[in-house]
């Protein structure tokens, strides 16, 4: 995930006030962040910036005013920013294509809602939308998995999965009792009771190699409870080990993307952050640090820093061997 561009943030700021105006009773920060597709921390920063925006003069009666009550926010003075942004023709046509594509998905829920949205966006697109050629969509494995999972949920039947676990780089088989489907950040997840792990698990559908509906009924045990995902899917246990990192400016996005603790601005490296991340999966932390290259330094645990250094040396050795193959000796 990359840091948001200035254009993206400006677009969001211009949309926030009309969004809040349409909700005079206020809206929770978690819900607003979910609607705008950003972390709650980023939304708070946007709202803090809005407080400094308004009409020329920029006095107390000229600036946008917001009211916070617990975890809810509402706008009390709009400074005239009450109209939502209008779609450009290109944006409207892009939405027409996306909505028509969505309608082709097997097992789509809320089809009528998508049709209504398509009609409204098509009206905005005008003649340009009429010239959009029909979208040919091939049903890939992920879409087939989505259709099968929906069938299992509707029929209340158990499912058998072939599932890829990236943290261990292995493919597993398991029987699960489906509970619900979730769409988070454009990715579909199945929440289910996993009989193999004897616990509730989330399965990303793009990692499901194969899924079939079984003849036996789904029977999640009484202790199977749906996860609260308002704070995100990544929610490590409070007792999970802490990984402390120093991030360069280019890696500050980590603090927005993952639920970090003890975030501090630091001068070394310039513009960097010191963060702590809780995770029971040290292999995940090792891959994260390795993927950031020199933009992240491990402060603790010491074993993680040593493992990352060892992997880096091994990788350099492999590259060196490739650049200078052993050609043997002449006679």
Protein backbone atom coordinates (compact mmCIF):
# COMPACT_ATOMS: atom_id res chain seq x y z
CA UNK A 1 0.00 0.00 0.00
CA UNK A 2 1.39 3.41 -0.96
CA UNK A 3 0.85 6.74 0.73
CA UNK A 4 -2.17 8.69 -0.55
CA UNK A 5 -1.41 11.31 -3.19
CA UNK A 6 -2.24 14.98 -2.72
CA UNK A 7 -4.97 14.67 -5.36
CA UNK A 8 -6.57 11.73 -3.54
CA UNK A 9 -6.59 13.56 -0.24
CA UNK A 10 -7.91 16.78 -1.76
CA UNK A 11 -10.75 14.86 -3.42
CA UNK A 12 -11.60 13.24 -0.09
CA UNK A 13 -11.55 16.57 1.76
CA UNK A 14 -13.91 18.14 -0.79
CA UNK A 15 -16.29 15.22 -0.37
CA UNK A 16 -16.17 14.96 3.41
CA UNK A 17 -18.28 18.03 4.21
CA UNK A 18 -21.23 17.09 1.92
CA UNK A 19 -20.96 13.55 3.28
CA UNK A 20 -21.26 14.80 6.88
CA UNK A 21 -23.98 17.30 5.96
CA UNK A 22 -26.11 14.41 4.67
CA UNK A 23 -25.83 12.85 8.15
CA UNK A 24 -27.03 15.57 10.54
CA UNK A 25 -27.14 13.16 13.48
CA UNK A 26 -23.46 12.42 12.99
CA UNK A 27 -21.58 9.33 11.93
CA UNK A 28 -19.04 7.13 13.69
CA UNK A 29 -15.42 7.62 12.69
CA UNK A 30 -15.11 3.90 11.96
CA UNK A 31 -18.09 3.98 9.58
CA UNK A 32 -16.87 7.11 7.79
CA UNK A 33 -13.38 5.64 7.40
CA UNK A 34 -14.89 2.48 5.95
CA UNK A 35 -17.05 4.48 3.51
CA UNK A 36 -14.02 6.43 2.27
CA UNK A 37 -11.76 3.37 2.21
CA UNK A 38 -9.06 4.81 4.47
CA UNK A 39 -7.72 3.91 7.93
CA UNK A 40 -9.45 5.66 10.82
CA UNK A 41 -6.17 7.40 11.69
CA UNK A 42 -6.04 8.97 8.23
CA UNK A 43 -9.66 10.13 8.50
CA UNK A 44 -8.88 11.84 11.82
CA UNK A 45 -6.03 13.71 10.14
CA UNK A 46 -8.35 14.78 7.33
CA UNK A 47 -10.90 16.10 9.83
CA UNK A 48 -8.19 18.00 11.70
CA UNK A 49 -7.15 19.60 8.41
CA UNK A 50 -10.77 20.56 7.61
CA UNK A 51 -10.83 22.62 10.81
CA UNK A 52 -8.28 24.94 9.17
CA UNK A 53 -10.28 25.34 5.93
CA UNK A 54 -13.04 27.81 5.20
CA UNK A 55 -13.93 31.20 3.74
CA UNK A 56 -11.53 34.10 3.10
CA UNK A 57 -10.79 35.91 6.32
CA UNK A 58 -10.16 32.61 8.07
CA UNK A 59 -11.49 33.88 11.38
CA UNK A 60 -13.45 31.81 13.92
CA UNK A 61 -16.71 32.40 12.05
CA UNK A 62 -15.23 31.61 8.64
CA UNK A 63 -13.74 28.14 9.15
CA UNK A 64 -15.48 24.78 8.82
CA UNK A 65 -16.60 23.62 12.25
CA UNK A 66 -17.02 20.03 13.43
CA UNK A 67 -18.45 18.53 16.59
CA UNK A 68 -17.12 15.33 18.17
CA UNK A 69 -19.25 13.35 20.58
CA UNK A 70 -17.47 10.19 21.66
CA UNK A 71 -16.58 8.31 18.49
CA UNK A 72 -19.09 10.25 16.35
CA UNK A 73 -18.55 13.39 14.31
CA UNK A 74 -20.92 15.88 12.67
CA UNK A 75 -20.47 19.15 10.83
CA UNK A 76 -21.89 22.29 12.48
CA UNK A 77 -20.70 24.89 9.93
CA UNK A 78 -20.06 24.00 6.29
CA UNK A 79 -18.53 27.28 5.03
CA UNK A 80 -20.60 26.75 1.88
CA UNK A 81 -19.09 23.37 0.98
CA UNK A 82 -22.42 21.61 0.68
CA UNK A 83 -22.40 20.27 -2.88
CA UNK A 84 -20.82 16.88 -3.56
CA UNK A 85 -18.27 16.61 -6.36
CA UNK A 86 -19.72 15.90 -9.79
CA UNK A 87 -18.34 13.05 -11.85
CA UNK A 88 -16.40 13.92 -14.97
CA UNK A 89 -17.42 12.11 -18.15
CA UNK A 90 -14.35 9.86 -17.94
CA UNK A 91 -15.11 8.98 -14.30
CA UNK A 92 -18.76 8.25 -15.10
CA UNK A 93 -17.84 6.01 -18.05
CA UNK A 94 -15.34 4.13 -15.87
CA UNK A 95 -18.07 3.52 -13.31
CA UNK A 96 -20.46 2.33 -16.03
CA UNK A 97 -17.88 -0.24 -17.13
CA UNK A 98 -17.24 -1.34 -13.53
CA UNK A 99 -20.93 -1.69 -12.70
CA UNK A 100 -21.68 -3.64 -15.89
CA UNK A 101 -18.77 -5.92 -15.04
CA UNK A 102 -20.10 -6.38 -11.51
CA UNK A 103 -23.49 -7.45 -12.87
CA UNK A 104 -21.79 -10.31 -14.69
CA UNK A 105 -20.43 -11.83 -11.49
CA UNK A 106 -22.05 -15.15 -10.53
CA UNK A 107 -24.01 -15.19 -7.29
CA UNK A 108 -24.09 -11.39 -6.99
CA UNK A 109 -26.15 -10.15 -4.06
CA UNK A 110 -28.05 -6.83 -4.20
CA UNK A 111 -28.36 -7.03 -7.98
CA UNK A 112 -31.23 -4.52 -7.97
CA UNK A 113 -29.11 -1.99 -6.06
CA UNK A 114 -26.35 -2.34 -8.65
CA UNK A 115 -28.88 -1.86 -11.47
CA UNK A 116 -30.19 1.32 -9.83
CA UNK A 117 -26.67 2.66 -9.42
CA UNK A 118 -25.90 1.82 -13.05
CA UNK A 119 -28.98 3.72 -14.23
CA UNK A 120 -27.99 6.83 -12.26
CA UNK A 121 -24.35 6.80 -13.40
CA UNK A 122 -25.38 6.13 -17.01
CA UNK A 123 -27.54 9.25 -16.88
CA UNK A 124 -24.51 11.27 -15.77
CA UNK A 125 -22.32 9.74 -18.50
CA UNK A 126 -24.91 10.63 -21.17
CA UNK A 127 -24.06 9.73 -24.77
CA UNK A 128 -20.52 8.70 -23.78
CA UNK A 129 -21.97 5.96 -21.59
CA UNK A 130 -24.13 4.70 -24.46
CA UNK A 131 -21.00 4.16 -26.56
CA UNK A 132 -19.37 1.87 -23.99
CA UNK A 133 -18.99 -1.53 -25.59
CA UNK A 134 -20.33 -4.53 -23.67
CA UNK A 135 -17.82 -5.94 -21.21
CA UNK A 136 -16.79 -9.55 -21.77
CA UNK A 137 -15.95 -11.05 -18.40
CA UNK A 138 -14.37 -14.44 -17.97
CA UNK A 139 -15.31 -16.25 -14.79
CA UNK A 140 -12.01 -16.95 -13.03
CA UNK A 141 -11.34 -19.25 -10.12
CA UNK A 142 -12.00 -16.55 -7.53
CA UNK A 143 -15.45 -15.79 -8.93
CA UNK A 144 -16.27 -19.49 -9.07
CA UNK A 145 -15.19 -19.82 -5.44
CA UNK A 146 -17.43 -16.88 -4.52
CA UNK A 147 -20.42 -18.51 -6.20
CA UNK A 148 -19.81 -21.85 -4.47
CA UNK A 149 -19.35 -20.20 -1.06
CA UNK A 150 -22.60 -18.26 -1.52
CA UNK A 151 -24.35 -21.52 -2.33
CA UNK A 152 -22.98 -23.12 0.84
CA UNK A 153 -24.15 -20.18 2.95
CA UNK A 154 -27.62 -20.14 1.37
CA UNK A 155 -28.06 -23.91 1.78
CA UNK A 156 -26.33 -23.92 5.19
CA UNK A 157 -23.95 -26.66 4.13
CA UNK A 158 -20.36 -27.34 5.15
CA UNK A 159 -17.56 -26.60 2.65
CA UNK A 160 -14.34 -28.41 1.78
CA UNK A 161 -11.49 -26.05 0.86
CA UNK A 162 -8.08 -26.34 -0.76
CA UNK A 163 -6.48 -23.22 0.71
CA UNK A 164 -3.08 -21.57 0.23
CA UNK A 165 -1.43 -20.29 3.44
CA UNK A 166 1.13 -17.63 2.39
CA UNK A 167 2.79 -17.38 5.81
CA UNK A 168 3.87 -21.02 5.53
CA UNK A 169 3.95 -21.19 1.71
CA UNK A 170 1.81 -24.33 1.71
CA UNK A 171 -1.53 -25.55 0.44
CA UNK A 172 -3.89 -27.13 2.93
CA UNK A 173 -7.18 -29.01 2.90
CA UNK A 174 -9.83 -28.35 5.48
CA UNK A 175 -13.56 -28.68 6.12
CA UNK A 176 -15.28 -25.54 7.40
CA UNK A 177 -18.70 -24.46 8.60
CA UNK A 178 -19.40 -21.15 6.78
CA UNK A 179 -20.71 -18.20 8.81
CA UNK A 180 -20.65 -15.14 6.52
CA UNK A 181 -18.97 -13.40 3.58
CA UNK A 182 -17.06 -10.15 3.98
CA UNK A 183 -15.88 -7.67 1.33
CA UNK A 184 -12.96 -5.67 2.71
CA UNK A 185 -10.75 -3.37 0.60
CA UNK A 186 -12.00 -5.03 -2.59
CA UNK A 187 -11.22 -8.58 -1.41
CA UNK A 188 -13.74 -11.29 -0.50
CA UNK A 189 -13.29 -13.22 2.75
CA UNK A 190 -15.15 -16.24 4.07
CA UNK A 191 -15.55 -16.28 7.84
CA UNK A 192 -16.05 -19.84 9.00
CA UNK A 193 -15.46 -22.34 11.78
CA UNK A 194 -12.42 -24.36 10.75
CA UNK A 195 -12.73 -27.94 11.98
CA UNK A 196 -9.02 -28.50 11.50
CA UNK A 197 -7.94 -25.50 13.61
CA UNK A 198 -11.00 -25.74 15.90
CA UNK A 199 -11.54 -22.00 15.71
CA UNK A 200 -13.06 -19.18 13.66
CA UNK A 201 -10.90 -18.26 10.68
CA UNK A 202 -11.00 -15.82 7.76
CA UNK A 203 -10.22 -17.27 4.32
CA UNK A 204 -9.37 -14.95 1.43
CA UNK A 205 -11.20 -16.26 -1.61
CA UNK A 206 -8.36 -15.44 -4.01
CA UNK A 207 -6.29 -17.98 -2.03
CA UNK A 208 -8.90 -20.73 -2.37
CA UNK A 209 -7.72 -23.17 -5.06
CA UNK A 210 -10.87 -25.30 -4.90
CA UNK A 211 -14.08 -25.39 -2.88
CA UNK A 212 -17.05 -27.76 -2.92
CA UNK A 213 -20.35 -27.82 -1.05
CA UNK A 214 -20.71 -30.93 1.10
CA UNK A 215 -23.90 -32.83 1.78
CA UNK A 216 -23.66 -32.37 5.55
CA UNK A 217 -25.16 -29.29 7.24
CA UNK A 218 -22.98 -26.45 8.49
CA UNK A 219 -22.85 -26.57 12.28
CA UNK A 220 -20.60 -23.90 13.85
CA UNK A 221 -20.32 -24.63 17.60
CA UNK A 222 -21.76 -22.21 20.20
CA UNK A 223 -18.32 -20.67 20.80
CA UNK A 224 -18.03 -19.62 17.13
CA UNK A 225 -18.58 -15.85 17.13
CA UNK A 226 -18.27 -13.41 14.23
CA UNK A 227 -15.22 -11.22 14.45
CA UNK A 228 -15.66 -7.46 14.98
CA UNK A 229 -13.94 -6.05 11.89
CA UNK A 230 -14.73 -2.37 12.50
CA UNK A 231 -11.07 -1.84 13.45
CA UNK A 232 -9.81 -3.87 10.51
CA UNK A 233 -9.17 -7.51 9.76
CA UNK A 234 -5.69 -7.52 11.25
CA UNK A 235 -6.28 -7.78 15.00
CA UNK A 236 -3.49 -9.62 16.83
CA UNK A 237 -4.02 -10.94 20.33
CA UNK A 238 -3.02 -8.56 23.17
CA UNK A 239 -0.36 -11.06 24.30
CA UNK A 240 1.29 -11.34 20.88
CA UNK A 241 5.03 -10.45 20.73
CA UNK A 242 5.95 -6.85 19.91
CA UNK A 243 8.14 -6.01 16.93
CA UNK A 244 9.73 -2.55 17.14
CA UNK A 245 10.81 -0.88 13.92
CA UNK A 246 12.40 2.38 12.82
CA UNK A 247 10.86 3.45 9.53
CA UNK A 248 12.30 5.84 6.96
CA UNK A 249 10.04 8.49 5.44
CA UNK A 250 9.27 6.25 2.45
CA UNK A 251 7.97 3.51 4.78
CA UNK A 252 5.66 5.68 6.91
CA UNK A 253 2.70 4.03 5.16
CA UNK A 254 3.24 0.99 7.43
CA UNK A 255 1.83 3.02 10.34
CA UNK A 256 -1.34 3.67 8.32
CA UNK A 257 -1.78 0.17 6.94
CA UNK A 258 -1.19 -1.91 10.09
CA UNK A 259 -2.51 -1.40 13.65
CA UNK A 260 0.70 -0.15 15.21
CA UNK A 261 1.41 0.95 18.77
CA UNK A 262 3.65 3.63 20.28
CA UNK A 263 4.04 5.68 17.09
CA UNK A 264 6.72 8.35 17.50
CA UNK A 265 8.28 10.88 15.13
CA UNK A 266 12.05 10.46 14.93
CA UNK A 267 14.90 12.43 13.37
CA UNK A 268 17.05 9.42 12.52
CA UNK A 269 16.26 8.65 9.78
CA UNK A 270 14.95 12.15 8.89
CA UNK A 271 11.17 12.25 8.74
CA UNK A 272 10.94 8.71 10.03
CA UNK A 273 8.79 6.93 12.59
CA UNK A 274 9.40 4.53 15.44
CA UNK A 275 6.54 2.02 15.66
CA UNK A 276 5.62 -1.19 17.44
CA UNK A 277 3.57 -3.94 15.80
CA UNK A 278 2.07 -6.91 17.64
CA UNK A 279 2.19 -10.18 15.74
CA UNK A 280 2.47 -13.84 16.63
CA UNK A 281 3.72 -14.52 13.09
CA UNK A 282 7.44 -13.69 13.11
CA UNK A 283 7.73 -15.00 9.54
CA UNK A 284 5.29 -12.26 8.43
CA UNK A 285 7.34 -9.61 10.22
CA UNK A 286 10.54 -10.93 8.62
CA UNK A 287 9.00 -10.69 5.12
CA UNK A 288 7.67 -7.18 5.84
CA UNK A 289 11.09 -5.88 6.91
CA UNK A 290 12.83 -7.60 3.99
CA UNK A 291 10.33 -6.11 1.51
CA UNK A 292 11.06 -2.60 2.85
CA UNK A 293 14.78 -2.97 2.14
CA UNK A 294 16.79 -0.31 3.89
CA UNK A 295 13.66 1.69 4.76
CA UNK A 296 13.09 -0.32 7.96
CA UNK A 297 15.41 -1.21 10.83
CA UNK A 298 14.52 -3.80 13.49
CA UNK A 299 15.08 -2.60 17.07
CA UNK A 300 13.62 -5.72 18.69
CA UNK A 301 13.43 -8.63 18.95
CA UNK A 302 17.12 -9.19 18.28
CA UNK A 303 16.39 -12.58 16.74
CA UNK A 304 14.28 -10.98 14.03
CA UNK A 305 17.04 -8.54 13.08
CA UNK A 306 19.51 -11.43 12.85
CA UNK A 307 17.13 -13.49 10.70
CA UNK A 308 16.56 -10.59 8.26
CA UNK A 309 20.32 -9.98 8.01
CA UNK A 310 21.00 -13.69 7.40
CA UNK A 311 18.39 -13.84 4.62
CA UNK A 312 19.83 -10.71 3.01
CA UNK A 313 23.35 -12.17 3.04
CA UNK A 314 22.06 -15.44 1.57
CA UNK A 315 20.26 -13.56 -1.20
CA UNK A 316 23.39 -11.55 -2.02
CA UNK A 317 25.41 -14.76 -2.14
CA UNK A 318 22.96 -16.30 -4.61
CA UNK A 319 23.12 -13.22 -6.85
CA UNK A 320 26.91 -13.28 -6.67
CA UNK A 321 26.96 -16.95 -7.72
CA UNK A 322 24.67 -16.17 -10.64
CA UNK A 323 26.88 -13.31 -11.81
CA UNK A 324 30.09 -15.36 -11.52
CA UNK A 325 29.30 -19.01 -12.35
CA UNK A 326 31.95 -21.62 -11.77
CA UNK A 327 33.29 -22.37 -15.24
CA UNK A 328 35.87 -24.86 -14.07
CA UNK A 329 39.57 -24.94 -14.94
CA UNK A 330 41.27 -25.53 -18.25
CA UNK A 331 43.73 -28.39 -18.94
